[in-house]
C-alpha atoms as a PDB file:
ATOM      1  CA  UNK A   1      44.255  68.350 128.890  1.00  0.00           C
ATOM      2  CA  UNK A   2      45.548  71.347 130.743  1.00  0.00           C
ATOM      3  CA  UNK A   3      47.001  74.270 128.819  1.00  0.00           C
ATOM      4  CA  UNK A   4      50.772  74.428 128.926  1.00  0.00           C
ATOM      5  CA  UNK A   5      52.326  77.222 130.952  1.00  0.00           C
ATOM      6  CA  UNK A   6      53.370  80.131 128.738  1.00  0.00           C
ATOM      7  CA  UNK A   7      57.096  79.771 129.564  1.00  0.00           C
ATOM      8  CA  UNK A   8      57.104  76.065 128.662  1.00  0.00           C
ATOM      9  CA  UNK A   9      55.255  76.825 125.437  1.00  0.00           C
ATOM     10  CA  UNK A  10      57.893  79.373 124.426  1.00  0.00           C
ATOM     11  CA  UNK A  11      60.714  76.930 125.201  1.00  0.00           C
ATOM     12  CA  UNK A  12      59.123  74.241 123.048  1.00  0.00           C
ATOM     13  CA  UNK A  13      58.650  76.678 120.180  1.00  0.00           C
ATOM     14  CA  UNK A  14      62.270  77.805 120.397  1.00  0.00           C
ATOM     15  CA  UNK A  15      63.393  74.182 120.003  1.00  0.00           C
ATOM     16  CA  UNK A  16      61.072  73.558 117.040  1.00  0.00           C
ATOM     17  CA  UNK A  17      59.194  70.812 118.946  1.00  0.00           C
ATOM     18  CA  UNK A  18      55.588  69.762 118.509  1.00  0.00           C
ATOM     19  CA  UNK A  19      53.233  71.593 120.817  1.00  0.00           C
ATOM     20  CA  UNK A  20      50.153  69.590 121.876  1.00  0.00           C
ATOM     21  CA  UNK A  21      46.830  71.259 121.303  1.00  0.00           C
ATOM     22  CA  UNK A  22      43.736  70.644 123.425  1.00  0.00           C
ATOM     23  CA  UNK A  23      42.025  67.544 122.117  1.00  0.00           C
ATOM     24  CA  UNK A  24      45.198  65.655 121.258  1.00  0.00           C
ATOM     25  CA  UNK A  25      46.174  67.319 117.906  1.00  0.00           C
ATOM     26  CA  UNK A  26      49.689  68.696 117.487  1.00  0.00           C
ATOM     27  CA  UNK A  27      51.108  71.694 115.640  1.00  0.00           C
ATOM     28  CA  UNK A  28      54.803  71.871 114.668  1.00  0.00           C
ATOM     29  CA  UNK A  29      56.328  75.037 116.076  1.00  0.00           C
ATOM     30  CA  UNK A  30      58.016  77.012 113.310  1.00  0.00           C
ATOM     31  CA  UNK A  31      61.517  78.388 113.767  1.00  0.00           C
ATOM     32  CA  UNK A  32      61.760  81.563 111.691  1.00  0.00           C
ATOM     33  CA  UNK A  33      65.422  82.316 112.395  1.00  0.00           C
ATOM     34  CA  UNK A  34      67.337  83.147 109.172  1.00  0.00           C
ATOM     35  CA  UNK A  35      69.701  80.204 109.616  1.00  0.00           C
ATOM     36  CA  UNK A  36      66.943  77.616 109.282  1.00  0.00           C
ATOM     37  CA  UNK A  37      64.629  79.226 106.697  1.00  0.00           C
ATOM     38  CA  UNK A  38      64.159  77.169 103.548  1.00  0.00           C
ATOM     39  CA  UNK A  39      61.884  77.730 100.592  1.00  0.00           C
ATOM     40  CA  UNK A  40      61.430  76.925  96.920  1.00  0.00           C
ATOM     41  CA  UNK A  41      60.938  79.547  94.233  1.00  0.00           C
ATOM     42  CA  UNK A  42      61.567  80.485  90.625  1.00  0.00           C
ATOM     43  CA  UNK A  43      64.498  82.701  89.604  1.00  0.00           C
ATOM     44  CA  UNK A  44      63.051  85.744  87.823  1.00  0.00           C
ATOM     45  CA  UNK A  45      66.171  87.921  87.552  1.00  0.00           C
ATOM     46  CA  UNK A  46      69.956  87.628  87.810  1.00  0.00           C
ATOM     47  CA  UNK A  47      71.476  90.839  89.180  1.00  0.00           C
ATOM     48  CA  UNK A  48      75.170  89.971  88.945  1.00  0.00           C
ATOM     49  CA  UNK A  49      77.496  87.005  89.331  1.00  0.00           C
ATOM     50  CA  UNK A  50      76.405  86.178  92.873  1.00  0.00           C
ATOM     51  CA  UNK A  51      72.967  87.688  93.485  1.00  0.00           C
ATOM     52  CA  UNK A  52      69.506  87.203  92.027  1.00  0.00           C
ATOM     53  CA  UNK A  53      65.755  87.555  92.589  1.00  0.00           C
ATOM     54  CA  UNK A  54      63.622  84.566  93.487  1.00  0.00           C
ATOM     55  CA  UNK A  55      59.811  84.633  93.312  1.00  0.00           C
ATOM     56  CA  UNK A  56      58.378  83.316  96.578  1.00  0.00           C
ATOM     57  CA  UNK A  57      54.632  83.309  97.180  1.00  0.00           C
ATOM     58  CA  UNK A  58      54.102  86.075  94.655  1.00  0.00           C
ATOM     59  CA  UNK A  59      56.840  88.403  95.926  1.00  0.00           C
ATOM     60  CA  UNK A  60      60.457  88.804  94.884  1.00  0.00           C
ATOM     61  CA  UNK A  61      63.184  87.945  97.378  1.00  0.00           C
ATOM     62  CA  UNK A  62      66.713  89.204  96.760  1.00  0.00           C
ATOM     63  CA  UNK A  63      69.177  86.395  97.360  1.00  0.00           C
ATOM     64  CA  UNK A  64      72.936  86.755  97.846  1.00  0.00           C
ATOM     65  CA  UNK A  65      74.694  83.455  97.240  1.00  0.00           C
ATOM     66  CA  UNK A  66      76.442  82.002 100.260  1.00  0.00           C
ATOM     67  CA  UNK A  67      80.168  81.245 100.207  1.00  0.00           C
ATOM     68  CA  UNK A  68      81.070  82.811  96.854  1.00  0.00           C
ATOM     69  CA  UNK A  69      82.104  86.300  95.770  1.00  0.00           C
ATOM     70  CA  UNK A  70      81.966  86.934  92.029  1.00  0.00           C
ATOM     71  CA  UNK A  71      83.618  89.818  90.133  1.00  0.00           C
ATOM     72  CA  UNK A  72      81.717  93.103  90.217  1.00  0.00           C
ATOM     73  CA  UNK A  73      80.117  94.463  87.063  1.00  0.00           C
ATOM     74  CA  UNK A  74      82.967  96.921  86.471  1.00  0.00           C
ATOM     75  CA  UNK A  75      85.642  94.241  86.817  1.00  0.00           C
ATOM     76  CA  UNK A  76      87.120  91.882  84.275  1.00  0.00           C
ATOM     77  CA  UNK A  77      84.893  88.795  83.958  1.00  0.00           C
ATOM     78  CA  UNK A  78      82.052  90.573  85.793  1.00  0.00           C
ATOM     79  CA  UNK A  79      79.615  90.327  82.878  1.00  0.00           C
ATOM     80  CA  UNK A  80      80.785  86.799  82.050  1.00  0.00           C
ATOM     81  CA  UNK A  81      80.168  85.688  85.650  1.00  0.00           C
ATOM     82  CA  UNK A  82      76.655  87.155  85.521  1.00  0.00           C
ATOM     83  CA  UNK A  83      75.940  85.339  82.263  1.00  0.00           C
ATOM     84  CA  UNK A  84      77.254  82.081  83.718  1.00  0.00           C
ATOM     85  CA  UNK A  85      74.911  82.348  86.713  1.00  0.00           C
ATOM     86  CA  UNK A  86      72.014  83.265  84.438  1.00  0.00           C
ATOM     87  CA  UNK A  87      72.595  80.163  82.327  1.00  0.00           C
ATOM     88  CA  UNK A  88      72.591  78.059  85.496  1.00  0.00           C
ATOM     89  CA  UNK A  89      69.427  79.305  87.162  1.00  0.00           C
ATOM     90  CA  UNK A  90      67.332  81.836  85.236  1.00  0.00           C
ATOM     91  CA  UNK A  91      63.717  80.720  84.918  1.00  0.00           C
ATOM     92  CA  UNK A  92      64.364  77.586  86.972  1.00  0.00           C
ATOM     93  CA  UNK A  93      62.893  76.455  90.256  1.00  0.00           C
ATOM     94  CA  UNK A  94      65.529  76.518  92.997  1.00  0.00           C
ATOM     95  CA  UNK A  95      65.767  75.532  96.639  1.00  0.00           C
ATOM     96  CA  UNK A  96      66.882  78.406  98.880  1.00  0.00           C
ATOM     97  CA  UNK A  97      68.421  77.672 102.279  1.00  0.00           C
ATOM     98  CA  UNK A  98      68.782  80.999 104.075  1.00  0.00           C
ATOM     99  CA  UNK A  99      71.909  81.255 106.217  1.00  0.00           C
ATOM    100  CA  UNK A 100      71.762  84.920 107.187  1.00  0.00           C
ATOM    101  CA  UNK A 101      70.336  88.347 106.342  1.00  0.00           C
ATOM    102  CA  UNK A 102      73.001  90.871 105.352  1.00  0.00           C
ATOM    103  CA  UNK A 103      73.051  94.624 105.944  1.00  0.00           C
ATOM    104  CA  UNK A 104      71.342  95.193 102.577  1.00  0.00           C
ATOM    105  CA  UNK A 105      68.413  92.996 103.740  1.00  0.00           C
ATOM    106  CA  UNK A 106      69.369  90.279 101.245  1.00  0.00           C
ATOM    107  CA  UNK A 107      68.890  86.617 102.093  1.00  0.00           C
ATOM    108  CA  UNK A 108      72.398  85.136 102.155  1.00  0.00           C
ATOM    109  CA  UNK A 109      71.595  81.624 101.026  1.00  0.00           C
ATOM    110  CA  UNK A 110      72.853  78.309  99.773  1.00  0.00           C
ATOM    111  CA  UNK A 111      71.061  77.755  96.476  1.00  0.00           C
ATOM    112  CA  UNK A 112      70.528  74.426  94.754  1.00  0.00           C
ATOM    113  CA  UNK A 113      69.087  73.724  91.333  1.00  0.00           C
ATOM    114  CA  UNK A 114      68.389  70.146  90.249  1.00  0.00           C
ATOM    115  CA  UNK A 115      70.286  69.071  93.361  1.00  0.00           C
ATOM    116  CA  UNK A 116      73.485  70.985  92.442  1.00  0.00           C
ATOM    117  CA  UNK A 117      75.040  73.620  94.713  1.00  0.00           C
ATOM    118  CA  UNK A 118      75.118  76.812  92.634  1.00  0.00           C
ATOM    119  CA  UNK A 119      77.909  78.491  94.632  1.00  0.00           C
ATOM    120  CA  UNK A 120      80.089  75.419  94.213  1.00  0.00           C
ATOM    121  CA  UNK A 121      79.449  75.342  90.456  1.00  0.00           C
ATOM    122  CA  UNK A 122      80.427  79.014  90.132  1.00  0.00           C
ATOM    123  CA  UNK A 123      83.680  78.555  92.033  1.00  0.00           C
ATOM    124  CA  UNK A 124      84.536  75.343  90.194  1.00  0.00           C
ATOM    125  CA  UNK A 125      84.027  77.068  86.822  1.00  0.00           C
ATOM    126  CA  UNK A 126      86.374  79.881  87.831  1.00  0.00           C
ATOM    127  CA  UNK A 127      83.805  82.677  88.025  1.00  0.00           C
ATOM    128  CA  UNK A 128      84.058  83.450  91.717  1.00  0.00           C
ATOM    129  CA  UNK A 129      86.247  83.315  94.792  1.00  0.00           C
ATOM    130  CA  UNK A 130      85.530  81.188  97.829  1.00  0.00           C
ATOM    131  CA  UNK A 131      84.357  83.911 100.221  1.00  0.00           C
ATOM    132  CA  UNK A 132      86.443  82.787 103.194  1.00  0.00           C
ATOM    133  CA  UNK A 133      85.450  85.779 105.322  1.00  0.00           C
ATOM    134  CA  UNK A 134      82.006  84.226 105.683  1.00  0.00           C
ATOM    135  CA  UNK A 135      82.482  80.589 104.741  1.00  0.00           C
ATOM    136  CA  UNK A 136      84.779  77.748 105.804  1.00  0.00           C
ATOM    137  CA  UNK A 137      83.300  75.160 103.449  1.00  0.00           C
ATOM    138  CA  UNK A 138      86.119  72.786 102.501  1.00  0.00           C
ATOM    139  CA  UNK A 139      84.434  71.904  99.196  1.00  0.00           C
ATOM    140  CA  UNK A 140      84.469  75.538  98.111  1.00  0.00           C
ATOM    141  CA  UNK A 141      88.136  75.914  99.076  1.00  0.00           C
ATOM    142  CA  UNK A 142      89.088  72.805  97.096  1.00  0.00           C
ATOM    143  CA  UNK A 143      87.030  73.947  94.087  1.00  0.00           C
ATOM    144  CA  UNK A 144      88.841  77.290  94.000  1.00  0.00           C
ATOM    145  CA  UNK A 145      92.254  75.624  94.111  1.00  0.00           C
ATOM    146  CA  UNK A 146      91.194  73.315  91.302  1.00  0.00           C
ATOM    147  CA  UNK A 147      89.961  76.228  89.156  1.00  0.00           C
ATOM    148  CA  UNK A 148      93.146  78.196  89.814  1.00  0.00           C
ATOM    149  CA  UNK A 149      95.345  75.266  88.814  1.00  0.00           C
ATOM    150  CA  UNK A 150      93.364  74.724  85.616  1.00  0.00           C
ATOM    151  CA  UNK A 151      93.287  78.505  84.889  1.00  0.00           C
ATOM    152  CA  UNK A 152      89.537  78.424  84.363  1.00  0.00           C
ATOM    153  CA  UNK A 153      87.452  81.566  83.971  1.00  0.00           C
ATOM    154  CA  UNK A 154      88.888  84.595  85.740  1.00  0.00           C
ATOM    155  CA  UNK A 155      92.008  82.630  86.692  1.00  0.00           C
ATOM    156  CA  UNK A 156      93.195  83.166  83.118  1.00  0.00           C
ATOM    157  CA  UNK A 157      94.124  86.636  84.356  1.00  0.00           C
ATOM    158  CA  UNK A 158      97.658  86.772  85.771  1.00  0.00           C
ATOM    159  CA  UNK A 159      96.650  89.103  88.608  1.00  0.00           C
ATOM    160  CA  UNK A 160      92.880  89.045  89.205  1.00  0.00           C
ATOM    161  CA  UNK A 161      91.598  91.534  91.768  1.00  0.00           C
ATOM    162  CA  UNK A 162      89.405  90.038  94.471  1.00  0.00           C
ATOM    163  CA  UNK A 163      85.980  91.749  94.455  1.00  0.00           C
ATOM    164  CA  UNK A 164      86.216  92.720  98.137  1.00  0.00           C
ATOM    165  CA  UNK A 165      89.426  94.635  97.358  1.00  0.00           C
ATOM    166  CA  UNK A 166      87.771  96.209  94.316  1.00  0.00           C
ATOM    167  CA  UNK A 167      84.822  97.383  96.422  1.00  0.00           C
ATOM    168  CA  UNK A 168      87.138  98.811  99.055  1.00  0.00           C
ATOM    169  CA  UNK A 169      89.030 100.832  96.460  1.00  0.00           C
ATOM    170  CA  UNK A 170      85.798 102.212  95.055  1.00  0.00           C
ATOM    171  CA  UNK A 171      84.606 103.151  98.528  1.00  0.00           C
ATOM    172  CA  UNK A 172      87.876 104.998  99.282  1.00  0.00           C
ATOM    173  CA  UNK A 173      88.907 106.746  96.069  1.00  0.00           C
ATOM    174  CA  UNK A 174      92.328 108.375  95.888  1.00  0.00           C
ATOM    175  CA  UNK A 175      91.907 112.099  96.299  1.00  0.00           C
ATOM    176  CA  UNK A 176      93.614 114.215  93.649  1.00  0.00           C
ATOM    177  CA  UNK A 177      94.671 117.808  94.256  1.00  0.00           C
ATOM    178  CA  UNK A 178      92.594 120.499  92.577  1.00  0.00           C
ATOM    179  CA  UNK A 179      93.956 121.667  89.230  1.00  0.00           C
ATOM    180  CA  UNK A 180      96.194 124.705  89.256  1.00  0.00           C
ATOM    181  CA  UNK A 181      94.961 127.833  87.567  1.00  0.00           C
ATOM    182  CA  UNK A 182      95.646 127.923  83.870  1.00  0.00           C
ATOM    183  CA  UNK A 183      99.012 129.291  82.790  1.00  0.00           C
ATOM    184  CA  UNK A 184      98.201 129.551  79.096  1.00  0.00           C
ATOM    185  CA  UNK A 185     100.006 132.437  77.490  1.00  0.00           C
ATOM    186  CA  UNK A 186      98.059 135.694  77.146  1.00  0.00           C
ATOM    187  CA  UNK A 187      98.406 137.866  74.068  1.00  0.00           C
ATOM    188  CA  UNK A 188      96.327 140.852  75.092  1.00  0.00           C
ATOM    189  CA  UNK A 189      95.822 143.035  78.128  1.00  0.00           C
ATOM    190  CA  UNK A 190      95.069 144.322  80.502  1.00  0.00           C
ATOM    191  CA  UNK A 191      98.226 143.126  82.249  1.00  0.00           C
ATOM    192  CA  UNK A 192      99.007 143.229  85.954  1.00  0.00           C
ATOM    193  CA  UNK A 193     102.512 144.175  86.981  1.00  0.00           C
ATOM    194  CA  UNK A 194     104.199 143.073  90.218  1.00  0.00           C
ATOM    195  CA  UNK A 195     105.525 146.298  91.730  1.00  0.00           C
ATOM    196  CA  UNK A 196     108.141 144.331  93.638  1.00  0.00           C
ATOM    197  CA  UNK A 197     109.599 142.049  90.954  1.00  0.00           C
ATOM    198  CA  UNK A 198     108.624 144.227  87.961  1.00  0.00           C
ATOM    199  CA  UNK A 199     107.207 141.182  86.169  1.00  0.00           C
ATOM    200  CA  UNK A 200     103.830 141.555  84.470  1.00  0.00           C
ATOM    201  CA  UNK A 201     101.225 138.845  83.982  1.00  0.00           C
ATOM    202  CA  UNK A 202      98.357 138.137  81.606  1.00  0.00           C
ATOM    203  CA  UNK A 203      94.802 137.347  82.756  1.00  0.00           C
ATOM    204  CA  UNK A 204      95.341 133.595  82.384  1.00  0.00           C
ATOM    205  CA  UNK A 205      98.424 133.637  84.593  1.00  0.00           C
ATOM    206  CA  UNK A 206      98.398 132.021  88.027  1.00  0.00           C
ATOM    207  CA  UNK A 207      99.827 135.205  89.567  1.00  0.00           C
ATOM    208  CA  UNK A 208      97.585 137.693  87.756  1.00  0.00           C
ATOM    209  CA  UNK A 209      96.004 138.865  91.011  1.00  0.00           C
ATOM    210  CA  UNK A 210      98.990 138.446  93.298  1.00  0.00           C
ATOM    211  CA  UNK A 211      99.358 140.673  96.356  1.00  0.00           C
ATOM    212  CA  UNK A 212     101.903 142.998  94.741  1.00  0.00           C
ATOM    213  CA  UNK A 213     100.354 142.915  91.237  1.00  0.00           C
ATOM    214  CA  UNK A 214      98.828 146.354  91.551  1.00  0.00           C
ATOM    215  CA  UNK A 215     100.256 148.022  88.412  1.00  0.00           C
ATOM    216  CA  UNK A 216      97.802 147.777  85.518  1.00  0.00           C
ATOM    217  CA  UNK A 217      98.792 148.173  81.851  1.00  0.00           C
ATOM    218  CA  UNK A 218      96.427 148.188  78.925  1.00  0.00           C
ATOM    219  CA  UNK A 219      99.004 146.908  76.458  1.00  0.00           C
ATOM    220  CA  UNK A 220     102.172 144.855  76.317  1.00  0.00           C
ATOM    221  CA  UNK A 221     104.081 147.888  75.053  1.00  0.00           C
ATOM    222  CA  UNK A 222     102.909 150.040  77.951  1.00  0.00           C
ATOM    223  CA  UNK A 223     104.173 147.508  80.489  1.00  0.00           C
ATOM    224  CA  UNK A 224     107.568 147.227  78.811  1.00  0.00           C
ATOM    225  CA  UNK A 225     107.851 151.008  78.514  1.00  0.00           C
ATOM    226  CA  UNK A 226     107.250 151.251  82.262  1.00  0.00           C
ATOM    227  CA  UNK A 227     110.250 149.010  82.931  1.00  0.00           C
ATOM    228  CA  UNK A 228     108.388 145.697  83.455  1.00  0.00           C
ATOM    229  CA  UNK A 229     109.279 142.402  81.791  1.00  0.00           C
ATOM    230  CA  UNK A 230     106.731 139.721  80.759  1.00  0.00           C
ATOM    231  CA  UNK A 231     106.301 136.506  82.676  1.00  0.00           C
ATOM    232  CA  UNK A 232     107.953 133.755  80.640  1.00  0.00           C
ATOM    233  CA  UNK A 233     105.118 131.218  80.914  1.00  0.00           C
ATOM    234  CA  UNK A 234     101.938 133.234  80.654  1.00  0.00           C
ATOM    235  CA  UNK A 235     102.599 136.270  78.471  1.00  0.00           C
ATOM    236  CA  UNK A 236     103.337 136.273  74.783  1.00  0.00           C
ATOM    237  CA  UNK A 237     103.381 139.094  72.322  1.00  0.00           C
END
């Protein structure tokens, strides 16, 4: 049998079709695109409510569950969601159907254990949102509505914060202005007097080194004797 032209061979491989070998044997062309990858492995670690490590051929693969977004560790129900997932899968053999690879190099996957969809179980129990930004699965949507109505898990909270909003807030913290210099009252000198206003300030005063504060007095009495009055907030006798 003649060898297949290279272009035809590539087209057959891309379609996942059997490629005939010389002599009549056939080899199934493997499609390694993330959307079709599927493997079986044992869960060796649960990282949070929607991600875990699966042992595949002696190496750990980080898996992010498809279609569900569970509370972060710092959120209400975050630790409970992690424990729920751990009870479902830790130490068990699972089937991983990879749908995508995210920007953190995690395998975004549909996970099943004993034939049950793990993401669906999490949502149904009320320990995660249907992640509609990346999933349109009608079963997940219905499971979330059911959990909400029954006030299961995190839906016991009157105003739960979606994890994607929580992450956004953490990524963009509200900036607070720097603290003002201390204005605690000063009991001892030296004092700086404002030659314009004739007010004198202690060392802890915000205006101690103001532009016009060029008069220096060793004691409170010396400042008063020179015709200066103490600042109300930062000088005490």
